[in-house]
Amino acid sequence: YDKFVFNPIIKDDILAAKPLDHGHITVYLPQYADDLLAGHFKKIKDARFEVFSKTAKVVNTDGNITFIPVSNKAFNDSMIGCHGIITGGGFETPAEALYMGKKLLCIPIQGQYEQKCNAAAAKDFGVAVLEKIQDDFSQHVNHWLNTPAPQQLRLTHSTAQIVEGVIKIGRQLI
């Protein structure tokens, strides 16, 4: 981190949202099969999961798990109303989760250096990070559910200030 590193840009619909807690966990882990996730989440009977699936064609509920086809609007709505989010180590979703003060569990995609770096930075905010899903995943999720949310991300620059700063830095490099 340095003086030229700005906070993330958050989508307008997330900035304008009033985060709620409807009690469910929003899940986006496209690197894992639905049946693998379901096997673990079914063990956590007192939690509800909304899993955004790359293979689901329609919304389908199986016990405490609802599989939802990937959709930006549906995902944003789920995330705004969730208790916590389980996702990869990307940048956008973890930043939005931290901005909204949501619990966050990150599992970086294997072999993606950027995701490992993002996950390392997320740890500085108190975010739980797992290397991969293993046999004890449901135990990790259960433990995570009983821990406090990480520190909330406070934005220090507006989108306009960030763009202006990037342009200024670019001009200095030319």
Protein backbone atom coordinates (compact mmCIF):
# COMPACT_ATOMS: atom_id res chain seq x y z
CA TYR A 1 0.00 0.00 0.00
CA ASP A 2 1.18 3.46 -0.79
CA LYS A 3 -0.12 7.00 -1.21
CA PHE A 4 -1.04 6.25 -4.83
CA VAL A 5 -3.22 3.27 -3.86
CA PHE A 6 -6.88 4.22 -3.62
CA ASN A 7 -9.86 2.49 -2.07
CA PRO A 8 -11.93 0.28 -4.37
CA ILE A 9 -14.65 1.70 -6.57
CA ILE A 10 -18.02 0.43 -5.35
CA LYS A 11 -21.02 0.10 -7.70
CA ASP A 12 -23.68 2.79 -7.33
CA ASP A 13 -26.42 0.29 -6.39
CA ILE A 14 -24.27 -0.98 -3.51
CA LEU A 15 -23.37 2.57 -2.44
CA ALA A 16 -27.07 3.47 -2.39
CA ALA A 17 -28.18 0.27 -0.66
CA LYS A 18 -29.37 0.02 2.90
CA PRO A 19 -27.77 -3.28 3.99
CA LEU A 20 -30.11 -5.60 5.86
CA ASP A 21 -29.71 -8.97 7.55
CA HIS A 22 -32.31 -11.50 6.45
CA GLY A 23 -30.15 -14.25 7.97
CA HIS A 24 -29.00 -16.11 4.86
CA ILE A 25 -25.46 -16.61 3.58
CA THR A 26 -24.78 -15.54 0.00
CA VAL A 27 -22.38 -17.93 -1.76
CA TYR A 28 -20.52 -17.43 -5.02
CA LEU A 29 -17.85 -20.09 -5.53
CA PRO A 30 -17.95 -20.92 -9.25
CA GLN A 31 -14.73 -22.93 -8.94
CA TYR A 32 -16.64 -25.61 -6.94
CA ALA A 33 -19.44 -27.94 -8.03
CA ASP A 34 -22.91 -27.40 -6.57
CA ASP A 35 -23.10 -30.92 -5.15
CA LEU A 36 -19.80 -30.47 -3.30
CA LEU A 37 -21.06 -27.22 -1.72
CA ALA A 38 -24.45 -28.79 -0.92
CA GLY A 39 -22.79 -31.70 0.86
CA HIS A 40 -21.11 -29.29 3.25
CA PHE A 41 -23.92 -26.74 3.66
CA LYS A 42 -26.52 -29.43 4.45
CA LYS A 43 -24.47 -30.27 7.55
CA ILE A 44 -25.09 -26.75 8.88
CA LYS A 45 -28.80 -27.14 9.50
CA ASP A 46 -29.38 -23.85 11.33
CA ALA A 47 -28.11 -21.69 8.44
CA ARG A 48 -29.69 -20.85 5.09
CA PHE A 49 -27.52 -20.55 1.98
CA GLU A 50 -28.23 -18.80 -1.32
CA VAL A 51 -25.76 -20.38 -3.74
CA PHE A 52 -25.24 -18.62 -7.07
CA SER A 53 -24.64 -21.43 -9.50
CA LYS A 54 -23.18 -21.39 -13.00
CA THR A 55 -25.13 -24.57 -13.79
CA ALA A 56 -28.58 -23.77 -12.30
CA LYS A 57 -31.15 -22.78 -14.92
CA VAL A 58 -33.93 -21.95 -12.44
CA VAL A 59 -34.15 -21.18 -8.72
CA ASN A 60 -34.22 -24.48 -6.85
CA THR A 61 -34.38 -25.07 -3.10
CA ASP A 62 -33.01 -28.21 -1.47
CA GLY A 63 -33.39 -28.11 2.30
CA ASN A 64 -31.46 -25.13 3.66
CA ILE A 65 -29.86 -24.34 0.28
CA THR A 66 -31.34 -22.31 -2.57
CA PHE A 67 -29.49 -22.57 -5.88
CA ILE A 68 -29.90 -19.46 -8.01
CA PRO A 69 -28.75 -18.91 -11.60
CA VAL A 70 -25.98 -16.31 -11.81
CA SER A 71 -27.49 -12.84 -12.25
CA ASN A 72 -26.04 -9.47 -11.23
CA LYS A 73 -29.34 -8.14 -9.87
CA ALA A 74 -30.21 -11.30 -7.95
CA PHE A 75 -26.69 -11.52 -6.56
CA ASN A 76 -26.64 -7.87 -5.46
CA ASP A 77 -30.07 -8.23 -3.83
CA SER A 78 -28.94 -11.38 -2.01
CA MET A 79 -25.71 -9.74 -0.90
CA ILE A 80 -27.45 -6.59 0.36
CA GLY A 81 -29.81 -8.69 2.48
CA CYS A 82 -27.45 -11.40 3.66
CA HIS A 83 -25.84 -12.10 7.01
CA GLY A 84 -22.55 -13.07 5.38
CA ILE A 85 -20.85 -13.85 2.10
CA ILE A 86 -18.70 -16.81 1.06
CA THR A 87 -16.83 -16.12 -2.17
CA GLY A 88 -13.52 -16.41 -3.97
CA GLY A 89 -10.60 -14.06 -3.57
CA GLY A 90 -11.66 -11.63 -6.27
CA PHE A 91 -11.76 -7.91 -5.72
CA GLU A 92 -15.26 -6.58 -6.34
CA THR A 93 -17.45 -8.80 -4.16
CA PRO A 94 -15.13 -8.80 -1.11
CA ALA A 95 -14.76 -5.00 -1.35
CA GLU A 96 -18.54 -4.58 -1.54
CA ALA A 97 -19.08 -6.99 1.34
CA LEU A 98 -16.60 -5.08 3.51
CA TYR A 99 -18.17 -1.78 2.52
CA MET A 100 -21.59 -3.06 3.66
CA GLY A 101 -20.13 -4.43 6.92
CA LYS A 102 -20.96 -8.05 6.05
CA LYS A 103 -19.22 -11.15 7.39
CA LEU A 104 -16.90 -12.46 4.71
CA LEU A 105 -15.20 -15.79 4.06
CA CYS A 106 -12.85 -15.92 1.06
CA ILE A 107 -11.53 -18.98 -0.74
CA PRO A 108 -9.14 -17.81 -3.48
CA ILE A 109 -9.23 -19.71 -6.76
CA GLN A 110 -6.21 -22.03 -6.92
CA GLY A 111 -3.44 -20.87 -9.26
CA GLN A 112 -4.70 -17.27 -9.37
CA TYR A 113 -1.96 -15.08 -7.91
CA GLU A 114 -4.18 -11.98 -7.84
CA GLN A 115 -6.76 -13.84 -5.75
CA LYS A 116 -4.09 -14.90 -3.25
CA CYS A 117 -2.94 -11.27 -2.99
CA ASN A 118 -6.51 -10.02 -2.50
CA ALA A 119 -7.10 -12.67 0.17
CA ALA A 120 -3.91 -11.63 1.98
CA ALA A 121 -5.11 -8.00 1.96
CA ALA A 122 -8.56 -9.09 3.18
CA LYS A 123 -6.94 -10.80 6.18
CA ASP A 124 -5.77 -7.32 7.25
CA PHE A 125 -9.47 -6.45 7.65
CA GLY A 126 -10.08 -9.54 9.78
CA VAL A 127 -11.60 -11.56 6.94
CA ALA A 128 -11.53 -15.34 7.26
CA VAL A 129 -9.59 -16.98 4.42
CA LEU A 130 -9.36 -20.66 3.51
CA GLU A 131 -6.92 -22.06 0.96
CA LYS A 132 -9.48 -24.51 -0.43
CA ILE A 133 -12.51 -26.56 0.52
CA GLN A 134 -11.53 -29.70 2.39
CA ASP A 135 -13.41 -32.35 4.38
CA ASP A 136 -13.70 -30.04 7.41
CA PHE A 137 -15.17 -27.13 5.42
CA SER A 138 -18.55 -27.25 7.20
CA GLN A 139 -16.73 -26.95 10.54
CA HIS A 140 -14.86 -23.87 9.28
CA VAL A 141 -18.12 -22.31 8.08
CA ASN A 142 -19.81 -23.05 11.41
CA HIS A 143 -16.92 -21.42 13.29
CA TRP A 144 -16.99 -18.43 10.92
CA LEU A 145 -20.73 -18.00 11.47
CA ASN A 146 -20.05 -17.57 15.19
CA THR A 147 -17.36 -14.91 14.84
CA PRO A 148 -17.90 -11.15 14.51
CA ALA A 149 -17.91 -9.39 11.15
CA PRO A 150 -14.59 -7.90 10.02
CA GLN A 151 -13.93 -4.19 10.22
CA GLN A 152 -16.06 -2.19 7.81
CA LEU A 153 -14.39 -0.63 4.79
CA ARG A 154 -14.52 3.16 4.91
CA LEU A 155 -14.16 4.91 1.58
CA THR A 156 -11.66 7.74 1.63
CA HIS A 157 -12.05 8.86 -1.99
CA SER A 158 -15.01 9.29 -4.32
CA THR A 159 -14.99 7.64 -7.75
CA ALA A 160 -14.29 11.06 -9.32
CA GLN A 161 -11.30 11.59 -7.02
CA ILE A 162 -9.94 8.16 -7.86
CA VAL A 163 -10.23 8.76 -11.61
CA GLU A 164 -8.63 12.18 -11.23
CA GLY A 165 -5.77 10.66 -9.21
CA VAL A 166 -5.17 7.89 -11.76
CA ILE A 167 -5.04 10.44 -14.58
CA LYS A 168 -2.62 12.58 -12.59
CA ILE A 169 -0.34 9.60 -11.92
CA GLY A 170 -0.53 8.63 -15.60
CA ARG A 171 0.54 12.12 -16.67
CA GLN A 172 3.50 11.98 -14.30
CA LEU A 173 4.66 8.73 -15.87
CA ILE A 174 4.59 10.15 -19.41
